Structures are given as structure tokens and as C-alpha cells.
Amino acid sequence: QVQVVESGGGLVQPGGSLRLSCVGSGFTFNMDSMSWYRQAPGKERELVAIITSAGGRKYADSVKGRFTISRDNAKNAVSLQMNSLKSEDTAVYYCKILFWSHEYWGQGTQVTVSS
């Protein structure tokens, strides 16, 4: 059975850092793209960062230069290093794994940036 589990969210002050992790289990081959989305209260879910199976990366303009996405294929894992956090980064962050054209989502992890 496929599972996607995120961890690493929490409360951090503006300017601080957090690292989110996501692990996929039950996948029989290497996953395709892996990505992070976020959804703030009253807003639509938006793409934050994506990394392809070849290691190509793309970021939302709002996080470029502050967030870094990386993956470890041996562990079926993807991480999001978030630096210089701002209050507008507050949201529930979701991991999405694409595998054989199917999307698998985690349950989300809350990130709150506040003093």
C-alpha cells in the first residue's frame, strides 16, 4: 500500500529556518517528479517547488533564493529546506509524488511563521 508522510513543520519566527521531509513507501520503482505545495487559509493550493527524476528543479517566484528542494531516491524521500521565512509562508505544506501518472499526496504539515 502506497503512503506519503510529511514531517518537520512547526512554529518559527520570521527570518528563521525549517526543513520539511517527505517519505514515500510502497513504491516499487523510482518515483517520477516529487513536489511541495502549500495552502494558506482562504487561498488555493499552490506549487512551491518541484524536482524531477533527473534532478531538475523549479520554484515559485515567491520562494526563489530562500527554499531548496532535494531528493534521495534510495530513501524515496524529498526535502524542502526553507530559510529566511516570512509570515506569508504560513500554510499547510503538502508533498506530492507522481508515479506512473498517478498523484499521491501526503496529509500535510503545518508551518507557522510568527513572532
C-alpha atoms as a PDB file:
ATOM      1  CA  GLN A   1       0.000   0.000   0.000  1.00  0.00           C
ATOM      2  CA  VAL A   2       1.338   3.394  -1.016  1.00  0.00           C
ATOM      3  CA  GLN A   3       1.861   6.002   1.682  1.00  0.00           C
ATOM      4  CA  VAL A   4       3.229   9.535   1.643  1.00  0.00           C
ATOM      5  CA  VAL A   5       4.147  11.035   5.004  1.00  0.00           C
ATOM      6  CA  GLU A   6       5.426  14.544   5.697  1.00  0.00           C
ATOM      7  CA  SER A   7       7.188  15.792   8.788  1.00  0.00           C
ATOM      8  CA  GLY A   8       9.102  18.804  10.025  1.00  0.00           C
ATOM      9  CA  GLY A   9       6.504  21.532  10.266  1.00  0.00           C
ATOM     10  CA  GLY A  10       6.141  23.809  13.250  1.00  0.00           C
ATOM     11  CA  LEU A  11       6.263  27.342  14.577  1.00  0.00           C
ATOM     12  CA  VAL A  12       9.208  29.547  13.662  1.00  0.00           C
ATOM     13  CA  GLN A  13       9.987  33.245  13.941  1.00  0.00           C
ATOM     14  CA  PRO A  14      10.337  35.434  10.849  1.00  0.00           C
ATOM     15  CA  GLY A  15      13.802  35.032   9.401  1.00  0.00           C
ATOM     16  CA  GLY A  16      14.124  31.529  10.778  1.00  0.00           C
ATOM     17  CA  SER A  17      14.510  28.173   9.042  1.00  0.00           C
ATOM     18  CA  LEU A  18      12.670  24.876   8.856  1.00  0.00           C
ATOM     19  CA  ARG A  19      13.283  21.657   6.985  1.00  0.00           C
ATOM     20  CA  LEU A  20      10.364  19.601   5.749  1.00  0.00           C
ATOM     21  CA  SER A  21      10.753  15.940   4.903  1.00  0.00           C
ATOM     22  CA  CYS A  22       8.546  13.570   2.958  1.00  0.00           C
ATOM     23  CA  VAL A  23       8.939   9.824   2.609  1.00  0.00           C
ATOM     24  CA  GLY A  24       7.062   7.606   0.217  1.00  0.00           C
ATOM     25  CA  SER A  25       6.548   3.930   0.943  1.00  0.00           C
ATOM     26  CA  GLY A  26       5.074   1.144  -1.114  1.00  0.00           C
ATOM     27  CA  PHE A  27       6.506   2.400  -4.405  1.00  0.00           C
ATOM     28  CA  THR A  28       8.050  -0.397  -6.412  1.00  0.00           C
ATOM     29  CA  PHE A  29      10.239   1.743  -8.665  1.00  0.00           C
ATOM     30  CA  ASN A  30      11.810   5.178  -8.529  1.00  0.00           C
ATOM     31  CA  MET A  31       9.211   7.883  -8.393  1.00  0.00           C
ATOM     32  CA  ASP A  32       8.777  10.470 -11.125  1.00  0.00           C
ATOM     33  CA  SER A  33       8.570  14.098 -10.025  1.00  0.00           C
ATOM     34  CA  MET A  34       8.310  14.999  -6.356  1.00  0.00           C
ATOM     35  CA  SER A  35       6.957  18.340  -5.267  1.00  0.00           C
ATOM     36  CA  TRP A  36       5.836  20.530  -2.423  1.00  0.00           C
ATOM     37  CA  TYR A  37       2.621  22.519  -2.413  1.00  0.00           C
ATOM     38  CA  ARG A  38       1.150  24.784   0.203  1.00  0.00           C
ATOM     39  CA  GLN A  39      -2.251  26.109   1.077  1.00  0.00           C
ATOM     40  CA  ALA A  40      -2.829  29.147   3.253  1.00  0.00           C
ATOM     41  CA  PRO A  41      -6.212  29.835   4.878  1.00  0.00           C
ATOM     42  CA  GLY A  42      -8.677  31.144   2.329  1.00  0.00           C
ATOM     43  CA  LYS A  43      -6.304  30.589  -0.571  1.00  0.00           C
ATOM     44  CA  GLU A  44      -5.895  27.978  -3.243  1.00  0.00           C
ATOM     45  CA  ARG A  45      -3.223  25.332  -3.057  1.00  0.00           C
ATOM     46  CA  GLU A  46      -0.097  26.462  -4.887  1.00  0.00           C
ATOM     47  CA  LEU A  47       3.065  24.806  -6.133  1.00  0.00           C
ATOM     48  CA  VAL A  48       6.128  25.735  -4.090  1.00  0.00           C
ATOM     49  CA  ALA A  49       8.857  23.598  -5.618  1.00  0.00           C
ATOM     50  CA  ILE A  50       9.256  20.563  -7.845  1.00  0.00           C
ATOM     51  CA  ILE A  51      12.142  18.215  -8.563  1.00  0.00           C
ATOM     52  CA  THR A  52      12.100  15.796 -11.462  1.00  0.00           C
ATOM     53  CA  SER A  53      13.503  12.283 -11.533  1.00  0.00           C
ATOM     54  CA  ALA A  54      16.527  13.715 -13.373  1.00  0.00           C
ATOM     55  CA  GLY A  55      17.098  16.300 -10.660  1.00  0.00           C
ATOM     56  CA  GLY A  56      15.713  19.351 -12.454  1.00  0.00           C
ATOM     57  CA  ARG A  57      14.238  21.922 -10.091  1.00  0.00           C
ATOM     58  CA  LYS A  58      11.666  24.684 -10.335  1.00  0.00           C
ATOM     59  CA  TYR A  59      10.473  27.109  -7.685  1.00  0.00           C
ATOM     60  CA  ALA A  60       7.632  29.516  -7.201  1.00  0.00           C
ATOM     61  CA  ASP A  61       8.875  33.091  -7.612  1.00  0.00           C
ATOM     62  CA  SER A  62       7.905  33.850  -4.034  1.00  0.00           C
ATOM     63  CA  VAL A  63      10.386  31.316  -2.618  1.00  0.00           C
ATOM     64  CA  LYS A  64      13.299  31.507  -5.079  1.00  0.00           C
ATOM     65  CA  GLY A  65      16.588  32.023  -3.299  1.00  0.00           C
ATOM     66  CA  ARG A  66      15.097  31.037   0.060  1.00  0.00           C
ATOM     67  CA  PHE A  67      13.857  27.447  -0.383  1.00  0.00           C
ATOM     68  CA  THR A  68      15.759  24.440  -1.690  1.00  0.00           C
ATOM     69  CA  ILE A  69      14.213  21.153  -2.747  1.00  0.00           C
ATOM     70  CA  SER A  70      16.229  17.937  -2.810  1.00  0.00           C
ATOM     71  CA  ARG A  71      15.532  14.235  -3.134  1.00  0.00           C
ATOM     72  CA  ASP A  72      17.090  10.950  -2.081  1.00  0.00           C
ATOM     73  CA  ASN A  73      15.947   8.219  -4.443  1.00  0.00           C
ATOM     74  CA  ALA A  74      17.460   5.461  -2.310  1.00  0.00           C
ATOM     75  CA  LYS A  75      15.172   6.507   0.540  1.00  0.00           C
ATOM     76  CA  ASN A  76      12.168   7.546  -1.583  1.00  0.00           C
ATOM     77  CA  ALA A  77      12.424  10.900   0.132  1.00  0.00           C
ATOM     78  CA  VAL A  78      12.170  14.563  -0.745  1.00  0.00           C
ATOM     79  CA  SER A  79      13.062  17.511   1.463  1.00  0.00           C
ATOM     80  CA  LEU A  80      12.365  21.222   1.450  1.00  0.00           C
ATOM     81  CA  GLN A  81      14.866  23.450   3.194  1.00  0.00           C
ATOM     82  CA  MET A  82      13.189  26.762   3.991  1.00  0.00           C
ATOM     83  CA  ASN A  83      15.312  29.740   5.014  1.00  0.00           C
ATOM     84  CA  SER A  84      14.543  33.401   5.660  1.00  0.00           C
ATOM     85  CA  LEU A  85      10.948  32.503   6.403  1.00  0.00           C
ATOM     86  CA  LYS A  86       8.285  35.173   6.213  1.00  0.00           C
ATOM     87  CA  SER A  87       4.823  35.426   7.702  1.00  0.00           C
ATOM     88  CA  GLU A  88       3.360  34.894   4.240  1.00  0.00           C
ATOM     89  CA  ASP A  89       4.971  31.432   4.153  1.00  0.00           C
ATOM     90  CA  THR A  90       2.482  30.330   6.800  1.00  0.00           C
ATOM     91  CA  ALA A  91       0.455  27.473   5.343  1.00  0.00           C
ATOM     92  CA  VAL A  92      -0.136  23.758   5.359  1.00  0.00           C
ATOM     93  CA  TYR A  93       2.574  22.185   3.236  1.00  0.00           C
ATOM     94  CA  TYR A  94       1.834  19.073   1.196  1.00  0.00           C
ATOM     95  CA  CYS A  95       4.123  16.618  -0.502  1.00  0.00           C
ATOM     96  CA  LYS A  96       3.052  15.196  -3.846  1.00  0.00           C
ATOM     97  CA  ILE A  97       4.634  12.211  -5.559  1.00  0.00           C
ATOM     98  CA  LEU A  98       3.977  11.426  -9.208  1.00  0.00           C
ATOM     99  CA  PHE A  99       4.257   7.736 -10.044  1.00  0.00           C
ATOM    100  CA  TRP A 100       3.102   6.145 -13.290  1.00  0.00           C
ATOM    101  CA  SER A 101       0.958   9.228 -13.973  1.00  0.00           C
ATOM    102  CA  HIS A 102      -0.826   8.885 -10.634  1.00  0.00           C
ATOM    103  CA  GLU A 103      -0.608  11.553  -7.953  1.00  0.00           C
ATOM    104  CA  TYR A 104      -0.067  10.596  -4.333  1.00  0.00           C
ATOM    105  CA  TRP A 105      -0.450  13.218  -1.624  1.00  0.00           C
ATOM    106  CA  GLY A 106       0.586  13.378   1.977  1.00  0.00           C
ATOM    107  CA  GLN A 107      -1.650  14.565   4.771  1.00  0.00           C
ATOM    108  CA  GLY A 108       0.106  17.923   5.116  1.00  0.00           C
ATOM    109  CA  THR A 109       2.220  19.567   7.774  1.00  0.00           C
ATOM    110  CA  GLN A 110       1.549  22.980   9.290  1.00  0.00           C
ATOM    111  CA  VAL A 111       4.179  25.712   9.021  1.00  0.00           C
ATOM    112  CA  THR A 112       3.519  28.864  11.020  1.00  0.00           C
ATOM    113  CA  VAL A 113       5.828  31.857  10.794  1.00  0.00           C
ATOM    114  CA  SER A 114       5.112  34.296  13.583  1.00  0.00           C
ATOM    115  CA  SER A 115       6.834  36.296  16.273  1.00  0.00           C
END
